[in-house]
């Protein structure tokens, strides 16, 4: 509310915040590791299985029945930021979501990832038989300061149906 914002102060234009990682709940953690690792080029930074303990509090995504979880954090080029964590639950597994609709809906997210090897990633996806949501293309982008550059990008769904945008700035 406005009262809380007045008490806390409005955020500054250059907030001191960084997205370190995004955690994705996944149905098949091994399939997700292959997708983000072998196909997109991430590597495993952390891999830990653990017992879920009801009543402990703070559990993701719930404090329900006893079960097991596995958290695998995949890192890209930077060893500290922009990681993707894959979190899978078993015994019991979480319920499956409905299959993704071909169209985006409110509540969906697009994970945008920048790479310097988009052609190689596109080739790996094709070889693995992964259908692209939008094929590799090149276009001109104009930034906030009016500067333009060429960019290649493609869109693909991960094993759980999330949209991934891969982008590479083309050197001129």
C-alpha atoms as a PDB file:
ATOM      1  CA  UNK A   1       0.000   0.000   0.000  1.00  0.00           C
ATOM      2  CA  UNK A   2       0.967   3.664  -0.292  1.00  0.00           C
ATOM      3  CA  UNK A   3       1.536   3.960   3.474  1.00  0.00           C
ATOM      4  CA  UNK A   4       4.113   1.154   3.400  1.00  0.00           C
ATOM      5  CA  UNK A   5       5.899   2.728   0.431  1.00  0.00           C
ATOM      6  CA  UNK A   6       6.036   6.069   2.266  1.00  0.00           C
ATOM      7  CA  UNK A   7       7.477   4.386   5.378  1.00  0.00           C
ATOM      8  CA  UNK A   8      10.044   2.358   3.453  1.00  0.00           C
ATOM      9  CA  UNK A   9      10.854   4.992   0.888  1.00  0.00           C
ATOM     10  CA  UNK A  10      10.459   4.611  -2.836  1.00  0.00           C
ATOM     11  CA  UNK A  11      12.971   2.335  -4.558  1.00  0.00           C
ATOM     12  CA  UNK A  12      15.746   4.125  -6.385  1.00  0.00           C
ATOM     13  CA  UNK A  13      16.191   3.853 -10.141  1.00  0.00           C
ATOM     14  CA  UNK A  14      19.383   1.848  -9.595  1.00  0.00           C
ATOM     15  CA  UNK A  15      18.293  -0.617  -6.917  1.00  0.00           C
ATOM     16  CA  UNK A  16      21.137  -2.658  -5.494  1.00  0.00           C
ATOM     17  CA  UNK A  17      19.696  -6.032  -6.461  1.00  0.00           C
ATOM     18  CA  UNK A  18      20.795  -8.899  -8.682  1.00  0.00           C
ATOM     19  CA  UNK A  19      18.874 -11.997  -9.738  1.00  0.00           C
ATOM     20  CA  UNK A  20      21.256 -14.732  -8.641  1.00  0.00           C
ATOM     21  CA  UNK A  21      19.164 -17.706  -9.678  1.00  0.00           C
ATOM     22  CA  UNK A  22      15.694 -18.788 -10.686  1.00  0.00           C
ATOM     23  CA  UNK A  23      14.352 -22.020  -9.220  1.00  0.00           C
ATOM     24  CA  UNK A  24      12.113 -24.103 -11.471  1.00  0.00           C
ATOM     25  CA  UNK A  25       9.920 -26.926 -10.148  1.00  0.00           C
ATOM     26  CA  UNK A  26      10.385 -29.812 -12.592  1.00  0.00           C
ATOM     27  CA  UNK A  27       8.598 -33.117 -13.162  1.00  0.00           C
ATOM     28  CA  UNK A  28      11.636 -35.062 -14.454  1.00  0.00           C
ATOM     29  CA  UNK A  29      14.852 -33.644 -13.039  1.00  0.00           C
ATOM     30  CA  UNK A  30      17.109 -35.822 -15.195  1.00  0.00           C
ATOM     31  CA  UNK A  31      15.368 -34.667 -18.401  1.00  0.00           C
ATOM     32  CA  UNK A  32      15.710 -31.052 -17.224  1.00  0.00           C
ATOM     33  CA  UNK A  33      19.419 -31.514 -16.428  1.00  0.00           C
ATOM     34  CA  UNK A  34      19.962 -32.881 -19.961  1.00  0.00           C
ATOM     35  CA  UNK A  35      18.002 -29.986 -21.525  1.00  0.00           C
ATOM     36  CA  UNK A  36      19.714 -27.162 -19.619  1.00  0.00           C
ATOM     37  CA  UNK A  37      23.108 -28.911 -19.586  1.00  0.00           C
ATOM     38  CA  UNK A  38      23.683 -30.836 -22.812  1.00  0.00           C
ATOM     39  CA  UNK A  39      21.452 -28.722 -25.057  1.00  0.00           C
ATOM     40  CA  UNK A  40      21.727 -25.176 -23.680  1.00  0.00           C
ATOM     41  CA  UNK A  41      25.272 -25.441 -22.282  1.00  0.00           C
ATOM     42  CA  UNK A  42      24.842 -24.980 -18.517  1.00  0.00           C
ATOM     43  CA  UNK A  43      26.914 -27.099 -16.125  1.00  0.00           C
ATOM     44  CA  UNK A  44      26.020 -28.588 -12.741  1.00  0.00           C
ATOM     45  CA  UNK A  45      27.214 -26.340  -9.913  1.00  0.00           C
ATOM     46  CA  UNK A  46      25.333 -28.004  -7.029  1.00  0.00           C
ATOM     47  CA  UNK A  47      23.456 -31.309  -6.712  1.00  0.00           C
ATOM     48  CA  UNK A  48      21.811 -32.322  -3.445  1.00  0.00           C
ATOM     49  CA  UNK A  49      19.044 -34.782  -2.618  1.00  0.00           C
ATOM     50  CA  UNK A  50      17.315 -34.500   0.738  1.00  0.00           C
ATOM     51  CA  UNK A  51      14.407 -35.737   2.805  1.00  0.00           C
ATOM     52  CA  UNK A  52      11.450 -33.376   3.095  1.00  0.00           C
ATOM     53  CA  UNK A  53      10.485 -32.911   6.742  1.00  0.00           C
ATOM     54  CA  UNK A  54       6.872 -31.875   7.428  1.00  0.00           C
ATOM     55  CA  UNK A  55       6.418 -29.169  10.044  1.00  0.00           C
ATOM     56  CA  UNK A  56       9.956 -27.856   9.646  1.00  0.00           C
ATOM     57  CA  UNK A  57       8.652 -24.717   7.997  1.00  0.00           C
ATOM     58  CA  UNK A  58      10.058 -22.889   5.035  1.00  0.00           C
ATOM     59  CA  UNK A  59       9.784 -25.939   2.819  1.00  0.00           C
ATOM     60  CA  UNK A  60       9.319 -25.505  -0.910  1.00  0.00           C
ATOM     61  CA  UNK A  61       6.747 -25.799  -2.232  1.00  0.00           C
ATOM     62  CA  UNK A  62       4.838 -27.240   0.719  1.00  0.00           C
ATOM     63  CA  UNK A  63       5.205 -28.888   4.117  1.00  0.00           C
ATOM     64  CA  UNK A  64       3.145 -31.921   3.138  1.00  0.00           C
ATOM     65  CA  UNK A  65       3.777 -35.616   3.309  1.00  0.00           C
ATOM     66  CA  UNK A  66       7.290 -36.948   3.815  1.00  0.00           C
ATOM     67  CA  UNK A  67       9.131 -37.249   0.570  1.00  0.00           C
ATOM     68  CA  UNK A  68      12.389 -36.646  -1.181  1.00  0.00           C
ATOM     69  CA  UNK A  69      13.569 -33.671  -3.150  1.00  0.00           C
ATOM     70  CA  UNK A  70      16.576 -33.009  -5.327  1.00  0.00           C
ATOM     71  CA  UNK A  71      17.951 -29.556  -6.016  1.00  0.00           C
ATOM     72  CA  UNK A  72      20.380 -29.159  -8.910  1.00  0.00           C
ATOM     73  CA  UNK A  73      21.783 -25.702  -9.595  1.00  0.00           C
ATOM     74  CA  UNK A  74      23.025 -25.176 -13.136  1.00  0.00           C
ATOM     75  CA  UNK A  75      25.506 -22.395 -13.830  1.00  0.00           C
ATOM     76  CA  UNK A  76      26.208 -20.599 -17.045  1.00  0.00           C
ATOM     77  CA  UNK A  77      29.105 -18.351 -17.967  1.00  0.00           C
ATOM     78  CA  UNK A  78      29.032 -16.348 -14.725  1.00  0.00           C
ATOM     79  CA  UNK A  79      29.895 -18.389 -11.600  1.00  0.00           C
ATOM     80  CA  UNK A  80      27.638 -16.349  -9.329  1.00  0.00           C
ATOM     81  CA  UNK A  81      24.599 -14.864 -11.096  1.00  0.00           C
ATOM     82  CA  UNK A  82      22.049 -16.046 -13.635  1.00  0.00           C
ATOM     83  CA  UNK A  83      21.911 -19.635 -12.422  1.00  0.00           C
ATOM     84  CA  UNK A  84      18.946 -21.944 -13.019  1.00  0.00           C
ATOM     85  CA  UNK A  85      17.995 -24.238 -10.151  1.00  0.00           C
ATOM     86  CA  UNK A  86      16.006 -27.382 -10.917  1.00  0.00           C
ATOM     87  CA  UNK A  87      13.915 -28.696  -8.017  1.00  0.00           C
ATOM     88  CA  UNK A  88      12.226 -32.074  -8.274  1.00  0.00           C
ATOM     89  CA  UNK A  89      10.058 -33.813  -5.681  1.00  0.00           C
ATOM     90  CA  UNK A  90       9.464 -37.557  -5.407  1.00  0.00           C
ATOM     91  CA  UNK A  91       7.728 -39.938  -2.985  1.00  0.00           C
ATOM     92  CA  UNK A  92       5.199 -38.384  -3.475  1.00  0.00           C
ATOM     93  CA  UNK A  93       5.757 -36.350  -6.617  1.00  0.00           C
ATOM     94  CA  UNK A  94       4.019 -33.038  -7.133  1.00  0.00           C
ATOM     95  CA  UNK A  95       0.945 -33.168  -9.378  1.00  0.00           C
ATOM     96  CA  UNK A  96       1.507 -32.561 -13.079  1.00  0.00           C
ATOM     97  CA  UNK A  97       0.370 -29.304 -14.645  1.00  0.00           C
ATOM     98  CA  UNK A  98      -1.864 -29.257 -17.648  1.00  0.00           C
ATOM     99  CA  UNK A  99       0.088 -29.451 -20.909  1.00  0.00           C
ATOM    100  CA  UNK A 100       1.217 -26.008 -22.059  1.00  0.00           C
ATOM    101  CA  UNK A 101      -1.061 -24.213 -24.439  1.00  0.00           C
ATOM    102  CA  UNK A 102       0.520 -23.056 -27.678  1.00  0.00           C
ATOM    103  CA  UNK A 103      -0.298 -19.484 -26.648  1.00  0.00           C
ATOM    104  CA  UNK A 104       1.112 -17.610 -23.691  1.00  0.00           C
ATOM    105  CA  UNK A 105      -1.214 -16.810 -20.796  1.00  0.00           C
ATOM    106  CA  UNK A 106      -1.129 -14.451 -17.827  1.00  0.00           C
ATOM    107  CA  UNK A 107       1.076 -16.022 -15.184  1.00  0.00           C
ATOM    108  CA  UNK A 108       3.451 -17.588 -17.713  1.00  0.00           C
ATOM    109  CA  UNK A 109       7.093 -16.560 -17.662  1.00  0.00           C
ATOM    110  CA  UNK A 110       9.674 -16.296 -20.420  1.00  0.00           C
ATOM    111  CA  UNK A 111      13.237 -16.990 -19.314  1.00  0.00           C
ATOM    112  CA  UNK A 112      15.553 -14.903 -21.494  1.00  0.00           C
ATOM    113  CA  UNK A 113      19.104 -16.190 -21.735  1.00  0.00           C
ATOM    114  CA  UNK A 114      21.988 -14.584 -23.573  1.00  0.00           C
ATOM    115  CA  UNK A 115      24.609 -16.727 -25.249  1.00  0.00           C
ATOM    116  CA  UNK A 116      27.521 -16.393 -27.634  1.00  0.00           C
ATOM    117  CA  UNK A 117      26.841 -19.771 -29.259  1.00  0.00           C
ATOM    118  CA  UNK A 118      23.234 -19.620 -30.458  1.00  0.00           C
ATOM    119  CA  UNK A 119      23.974 -21.407 -33.741  1.00  0.00           C
ATOM    120  CA  UNK A 120      25.510 -24.380 -31.895  1.00  0.00           C
ATOM    121  CA  UNK A 121      22.578 -24.478 -29.446  1.00  0.00           C
ATOM    122  CA  UNK A 122      20.085 -24.408 -32.351  1.00  0.00           C
ATOM    123  CA  UNK A 123      21.957 -27.321 -33.959  1.00  0.00           C
ATOM    124  CA  UNK A 124      21.936 -29.339 -30.688  1.00  0.00           C
ATOM    125  CA  UNK A 125      18.198 -28.704 -30.231  1.00  0.00           C
ATOM    126  CA  UNK A 126      17.504 -29.817 -33.827  1.00  0.00           C
ATOM    127  CA  UNK A 127      19.656 -32.940 -33.432  1.00  0.00           C
ATOM    128  CA  UNK A 128      17.753 -33.808 -30.219  1.00  0.00           C
ATOM    129  CA  UNK A 129      14.438 -33.387 -32.070  1.00  0.00           C
ATOM    130  CA  UNK A 130      13.340 -30.427 -29.920  1.00  0.00           C
ATOM    131  CA  UNK A 131      10.760 -28.315 -31.781  1.00  0.00           C
ATOM    132  CA  UNK A 132      11.353 -24.572 -31.718  1.00  0.00           C
ATOM    133  CA  UNK A 133       8.477 -22.262 -30.830  1.00  0.00           C
ATOM    134  CA  UNK A 134      10.023 -19.639 -33.088  1.00  0.00           C
ATOM    135  CA  UNK A 135      12.953 -20.529 -35.346  1.00  0.00           C
ATOM    136  CA  UNK A 136      16.349 -18.900 -35.257  1.00  0.00           C
ATOM    137  CA  UNK A 137      16.065 -15.441 -36.782  1.00  0.00           C
ATOM    138  CA  UNK A 138      17.983 -12.188 -36.882  1.00  0.00           C
ATOM    139  CA  UNK A 139      16.606  -8.700 -36.365  1.00  0.00           C
ATOM    140  CA  UNK A 140      17.621  -5.179 -35.447  1.00  0.00           C
ATOM    141  CA  UNK A 141      17.023  -4.018 -31.877  1.00  0.00           C
ATOM    142  CA  UNK A 142      16.989  -0.421 -30.669  1.00  0.00           C
ATOM    143  CA  UNK A 143      18.006   0.090 -27.053  1.00  0.00           C
ATOM    144  CA  UNK A 144      16.725   2.644 -24.572  1.00  0.00           C
ATOM    145  CA  UNK A 145      19.448   5.124 -25.548  1.00  0.00           C
ATOM    146  CA  UNK A 146      18.657   4.872 -29.267  1.00  0.00           C
ATOM    147  CA  UNK A 147      21.624   2.652 -30.147  1.00  0.00           C
ATOM    148  CA  UNK A 148      20.826  -0.214 -32.537  1.00  0.00           C
ATOM    149  CA  UNK A 149      22.417  -3.621 -32.975  1.00  0.00           C
ATOM    150  CA  UNK A 150      21.689  -6.940 -34.644  1.00  0.00           C
ATOM    151  CA  UNK A 151      20.494  -9.867 -32.550  1.00  0.00           C
ATOM    152  CA  UNK A 152      19.813 -13.534 -33.297  1.00  0.00           C
ATOM    153  CA  UNK A 153      17.194 -15.274 -31.194  1.00  0.00           C
ATOM    154  CA  UNK A 154      15.010 -18.336 -30.953  1.00  0.00           C
ATOM    155  CA  UNK A 155      12.260 -19.555 -28.644  1.00  0.00           C
ATOM    156  CA  UNK A 156      11.963 -23.115 -27.319  1.00  0.00           C
ATOM    157  CA  UNK A 157      10.044 -24.889 -24.532  1.00  0.00           C
ATOM    158  CA  UNK A 158      11.893 -26.745 -21.779  1.00  0.00           C
ATOM    159  CA  UNK A 159      10.753 -30.266 -20.729  1.00  0.00           C
ATOM    160  CA  UNK A 160       8.104 -28.761 -18.420  1.00  0.00           C
ATOM    161  CA  UNK A 161       6.723 -26.414 -21.091  1.00  0.00           C
ATOM    162  CA  UNK A 162       8.334 -23.132 -19.999  1.00  0.00           C
ATOM    163  CA  UNK A 163       9.267 -20.733 -22.800  1.00  0.00           C
ATOM    164  CA  UNK A 164      13.001 -20.066 -23.115  1.00  0.00           C
ATOM    165  CA  UNK A 165      14.212 -17.166 -25.275  1.00  0.00           C
ATOM    166  CA  UNK A 166      17.810 -17.533 -26.380  1.00  0.00           C
ATOM    167  CA  UNK A 167      19.523 -14.438 -27.727  1.00  0.00           C
ATOM    168  CA  UNK A 168      22.925 -13.559 -29.144  1.00  0.00           C
ATOM    169  CA  UNK A 169      24.107 -10.084 -30.061  1.00  0.00           C
ATOM    170  CA  UNK A 170      25.673 -10.198 -33.511  1.00  0.00           C
ATOM    171  CA  UNK A 171      29.040  -8.501 -33.855  1.00  0.00           C
ATOM    172  CA  UNK A 172      29.018  -5.891 -36.611  1.00  0.00           C
END
